[in-house]
């Protein structure tokens, strides 16, 4: 059953909209957009004509600076990993040494708790989930505000996109509420004040805590 829940979350992550619509303003030298989504400084966005362009500045839901990017722009697809800390870290670390190839990261923390429903119920299962939306951060040069502006805010937007997928899906009950926890530094704080990373990278982001409820599907046998 844990595998069913994990697969369900992976499928939902795969449906996250990673496109934004922007119009380049040559006077301001900015790409105007009303939805910057989870775009962030230091990451690339793909322009249909110019290919990958580096984002050098951003004003949330107003504009980005990334060359002369215009049109339908594509952000990196989130990389999904399920599992316990050790299992997720081992799998994620082995993928690549290049963080840009495996971020932003969506991590579903195991062990997953779930409830099965009887045959008279319209629900198949319900599960309390902890899902982390994370991206690389600069622990040397960033102050707390930098972590928030450059990573936490975009990852909050990514979590919001994930919620939209759930609420727009006929297979799942619309979320009645959820909890978001921000991490300017993702890790555990020790008694001496230093952080020990939970995953083998310097990350920031948010944790999303939700109760995901799946409807039973009509049998087509």
Protein backbone atom coordinates (compact mmCIF):
# COMPACT_ATOMS: atom_id res chain seq x y z
CA UNK A 1 0.00 0.00 0.00
CA UNK A 2 2.89 2.36 0.73
CA UNK A 3 4.02 1.83 -2.85
CA UNK A 4 0.53 2.77 -4.11
CA UNK A 5 0.60 6.02 -2.14
CA UNK A 6 4.16 6.77 -3.25
CA UNK A 7 3.27 6.14 -6.89
CA UNK A 8 0.22 8.38 -6.56
CA UNK A 9 2.36 11.26 -5.29
CA UNK A 10 4.95 10.68 -8.03
CA UNK A 11 2.20 10.82 -10.67
CA UNK A 12 0.89 14.07 -9.18
CA UNK A 13 4.38 15.61 -9.18
CA UNK A 14 4.76 14.67 -12.85
CA UNK A 15 1.63 16.72 -13.63
CA UNK A 16 3.00 19.96 -12.14
CA UNK A 17 2.88 22.75 -14.73
CA UNK A 18 6.48 23.75 -15.43
CA UNK A 19 5.69 26.39 -18.05
CA UNK A 20 5.28 30.14 -17.68
CA UNK A 21 4.25 32.73 -20.24
CA UNK A 22 6.49 35.77 -20.58
CA UNK A 23 6.89 38.75 -22.90
CA UNK A 24 10.32 40.32 -23.29
CA UNK A 25 10.47 44.09 -22.84
CA UNK A 26 13.60 45.37 -24.66
CA UNK A 27 13.43 48.75 -22.90
CA UNK A 28 13.44 47.32 -19.38
CA UNK A 29 15.46 44.29 -20.55
CA UNK A 30 13.12 42.11 -18.53
CA UNK A 31 10.64 39.36 -19.33
CA UNK A 32 7.26 40.45 -18.00
CA UNK A 33 5.10 37.69 -16.50
CA UNK A 34 2.26 37.59 -13.99
CA UNK A 35 3.33 34.14 -12.76
CA UNK A 36 7.01 33.45 -12.12
CA UNK A 37 6.03 30.03 -10.72
CA UNK A 38 9.05 28.38 -9.09
CA UNK A 39 11.63 30.19 -11.25
CA UNK A 40 14.60 31.43 -9.25
CA UNK A 41 17.90 33.25 -9.58
CA UNK A 42 20.79 31.02 -10.63
CA UNK A 43 18.61 28.48 -12.47
CA UNK A 44 17.98 28.11 -16.16
CA UNK A 45 14.77 28.61 -18.08
CA UNK A 46 14.28 27.26 -21.60
CA UNK A 47 13.22 29.63 -24.36
CA UNK A 48 11.69 27.94 -27.46
CA UNK A 49 14.07 29.90 -29.73
CA UNK A 50 17.17 30.68 -27.66
CA UNK A 51 17.36 27.50 -25.60
CA UNK A 52 18.56 27.60 -22.00
CA UNK A 53 18.94 31.04 -20.46
CA UNK A 54 20.28 31.81 -16.98
CA UNK A 55 17.95 33.70 -14.64
CA UNK A 56 19.96 36.58 -13.13
CA UNK A 57 17.19 38.53 -11.34
CA UNK A 58 13.55 38.07 -10.50
CA UNK A 59 10.61 39.94 -9.00
CA UNK A 60 8.01 37.40 -7.94
CA UNK A 61 4.98 37.35 -10.27
CA UNK A 62 6.17 40.49 -12.07
CA UNK A 63 9.29 39.83 -14.16
CA UNK A 64 12.45 37.82 -14.65
CA UNK A 65 15.80 38.69 -16.22
CA UNK A 66 17.06 35.86 -18.41
CA UNK A 67 18.49 37.21 -21.63
CA UNK A 68 15.69 38.00 -24.07
CA UNK A 69 13.47 35.10 -22.98
CA UNK A 70 9.95 35.37 -24.36
CA UNK A 71 6.96 33.19 -25.14
CA UNK A 72 6.21 29.87 -23.45
CA UNK A 73 9.16 29.32 -21.11
CA UNK A 74 9.97 25.98 -19.50
CA UNK A 75 11.36 25.44 -16.01
CA UNK A 76 13.22 22.29 -14.94
CA UNK A 77 10.83 19.45 -14.10
CA UNK A 78 10.92 18.65 -10.35
CA UNK A 79 12.88 15.52 -9.43
CA UNK A 80 10.87 13.13 -7.24
CA UNK A 81 12.36 10.84 -4.60
CA UNK A 82 10.40 8.77 -2.05
CA UNK A 83 11.76 7.05 1.03
CA UNK A 84 13.29 7.37 4.44
CA UNK A 85 16.18 9.78 4.97
CA UNK A 86 18.81 7.10 4.30
CA UNK A 87 17.05 5.54 1.31
CA UNK A 88 16.15 8.87 -0.29
CA UNK A 89 19.63 10.27 0.26
CA UNK A 90 21.32 7.20 -1.24
CA UNK A 91 19.10 7.24 -4.33
CA UNK A 92 19.27 10.99 -4.82
CA UNK A 93 23.05 11.19 -4.32
CA UNK A 94 23.71 8.39 -6.81
CA UNK A 95 21.79 10.09 -9.62
CA UNK A 96 24.37 12.77 -10.43
CA UNK A 97 27.01 15.01 -8.87
CA UNK A 98 25.39 17.96 -10.64
CA UNK A 99 22.68 19.45 -8.42
CA UNK A 100 21.08 21.20 -11.38
CA UNK A 101 20.19 17.77 -12.79
CA UNK A 102 18.20 16.77 -9.71
CA UNK A 103 16.68 19.99 -8.38
CA UNK A 104 14.20 21.23 -7.54
CA UNK A 105 13.69 18.14 -5.41
CA UNK A 106 10.35 16.79 -4.23
CA UNK A 107 10.89 14.28 -1.43
CA UNK A 108 8.08 12.15 -0.02
CA UNK A 109 9.14 11.11 3.46
CA UNK A 110 8.50 7.49 4.43
CA UNK A 111 7.14 5.74 6.49
CA UNK A 112 3.74 6.51 5.04
CA UNK A 113 0.68 6.16 7.26
CA UNK A 114 -2.59 5.37 5.49
CA UNK A 115 -6.17 4.28 6.08
CA UNK A 116 -8.09 1.84 3.86
CA UNK A 117 -11.86 2.18 3.47
CA UNK A 118 -14.58 -0.46 3.17
CA UNK A 119 -16.48 -1.26 0.01
CA UNK A 120 -19.39 1.06 0.88
CA UNK A 121 -17.12 4.10 0.97
CA UNK A 122 -16.43 6.30 -2.05
CA UNK A 123 -12.82 6.57 -0.86
CA UNK A 124 -10.08 4.05 -1.60
CA UNK A 125 -7.47 5.27 0.86
CA UNK A 126 -6.40 8.29 2.88
CA UNK A 127 -2.86 9.14 3.93
CA UNK A 128 -1.13 11.77 6.07
CA UNK A 129 1.89 12.88 4.06
CA UNK A 130 5.02 14.92 4.62
CA UNK A 131 6.43 16.20 1.33
CA UNK A 132 9.51 18.41 1.02
CA UNK A 133 10.05 20.87 -1.84
CA UNK A 134 13.75 21.74 -1.87
CA UNK A 135 16.39 23.48 -3.94
CA UNK A 136 20.07 24.24 -3.58
CA UNK A 137 21.10 27.26 -1.55
CA UNK A 138 24.28 29.23 -0.88
CA UNK A 139 25.22 28.85 2.77
CA UNK A 140 28.33 31.02 2.40
CA UNK A 141 26.95 34.13 0.71
CA UNK A 142 23.25 34.09 1.59
CA UNK A 143 21.76 35.85 4.57
CA UNK A 144 18.41 34.64 5.92
CA UNK A 145 16.50 37.00 3.61
CA UNK A 146 18.46 35.65 0.62
CA UNK A 147 17.52 32.07 1.50
CA UNK A 148 13.88 33.13 1.74
CA UNK A 149 13.77 35.23 -1.45
CA UNK A 150 15.87 32.94 -3.64
CA UNK A 151 14.74 29.49 -2.47
CA UNK A 152 11.94 29.39 0.09
CA UNK A 153 9.56 31.59 -1.93
CA UNK A 154 10.05 29.64 -5.20
CA UNK A 155 9.67 26.32 -3.37
CA UNK A 156 6.48 27.63 -1.73
CA UNK A 157 5.24 28.36 -5.23
CA UNK A 158 6.19 24.84 -6.31
CA UNK A 159 4.26 23.38 -3.37
CA UNK A 160 1.31 25.53 -4.45
CA UNK A 161 1.50 24.09 -7.97
CA UNK A 162 1.40 20.60 -6.46
CA UNK A 163 -1.72 21.51 -4.46
CA UNK A 164 -3.34 22.81 -7.65
CA UNK A 165 -2.77 19.44 -9.31
CA UNK A 166 -4.53 17.65 -6.45
CA UNK A 167 -7.45 20.07 -6.35
CA UNK A 168 -7.91 19.84 -10.14
CA UNK A 169 -7.83 16.04 -10.20
CA UNK A 170 -11.14 14.09 -10.11
CA UNK A 171 -9.26 11.18 -8.52
CA UNK A 172 -8.59 12.99 -5.24
CA UNK A 173 -10.65 14.81 -2.66
CA UNK A 174 -10.08 18.57 -2.67
CA UNK A 175 -7.77 19.49 0.19
CA UNK A 176 -9.61 20.96 3.15
CA UNK A 177 -6.41 22.44 4.53
CA UNK A 178 -2.67 21.92 4.74
CA UNK A 179 0.36 22.99 6.75
CA UNK A 180 3.54 24.54 5.34
CA UNK A 181 6.86 24.66 7.21
CA UNK A 182 9.64 26.92 5.86
CA UNK A 183 13.33 26.02 6.00
CA UNK A 184 15.90 28.74 5.41
CA UNK A 185 18.43 25.97 6.06
CA UNK A 186 17.15 22.43 5.60
CA UNK A 187 18.62 20.23 8.31
CA UNK A 188 18.70 19.61 12.03
CA UNK A 189 20.12 22.20 14.41
CA UNK A 190 22.53 20.76 16.94
CA UNK A 191 23.26 21.99 20.47
CA UNK A 192 26.28 24.00 19.29
CA UNK A 193 24.10 25.94 16.84
CA UNK A 194 25.42 24.28 13.70
CA UNK A 195 23.22 22.53 11.19
CA UNK A 196 23.60 18.92 10.13
CA UNK A 197 22.17 18.37 6.66
CA UNK A 198 19.40 15.82 6.32
CA UNK A 199 20.37 15.19 2.70
CA UNK A 200 23.91 15.44 1.33
CA UNK A 201 23.56 18.96 -0.06
CA UNK A 202 22.93 22.51 1.07
CA UNK A 203 19.20 22.95 0.54
CA UNK A 204 16.37 25.29 1.47
CA UNK A 205 12.66 25.05 0.87
CA UNK A 206 9.39 24.07 2.47
CA UNK A 207 7.68 21.05 3.97
CA UNK A 208 4.06 20.42 2.99
CA UNK A 209 1.88 18.38 5.35
CA UNK A 210 -1.38 17.19 3.83
CA UNK A 211 -4.06 14.55 4.14
CA UNK A 212 -4.39 13.02 0.66
CA UNK A 213 -7.64 11.15 0.01
CA UNK A 214 -8.10 9.05 -3.14
CA UNK A 215 -11.49 8.23 -4.59
CA UNK A 216 -12.32 4.73 -5.78
CA UNK A 217 -12.20 4.40 -9.54
CA UNK A 218 -15.14 3.06 -11.53
CA UNK A 219 -14.51 -0.50 -12.64
CA UNK A 220 -14.22 -0.82 -16.41
CA UNK A 221 -14.10 -4.62 -16.49
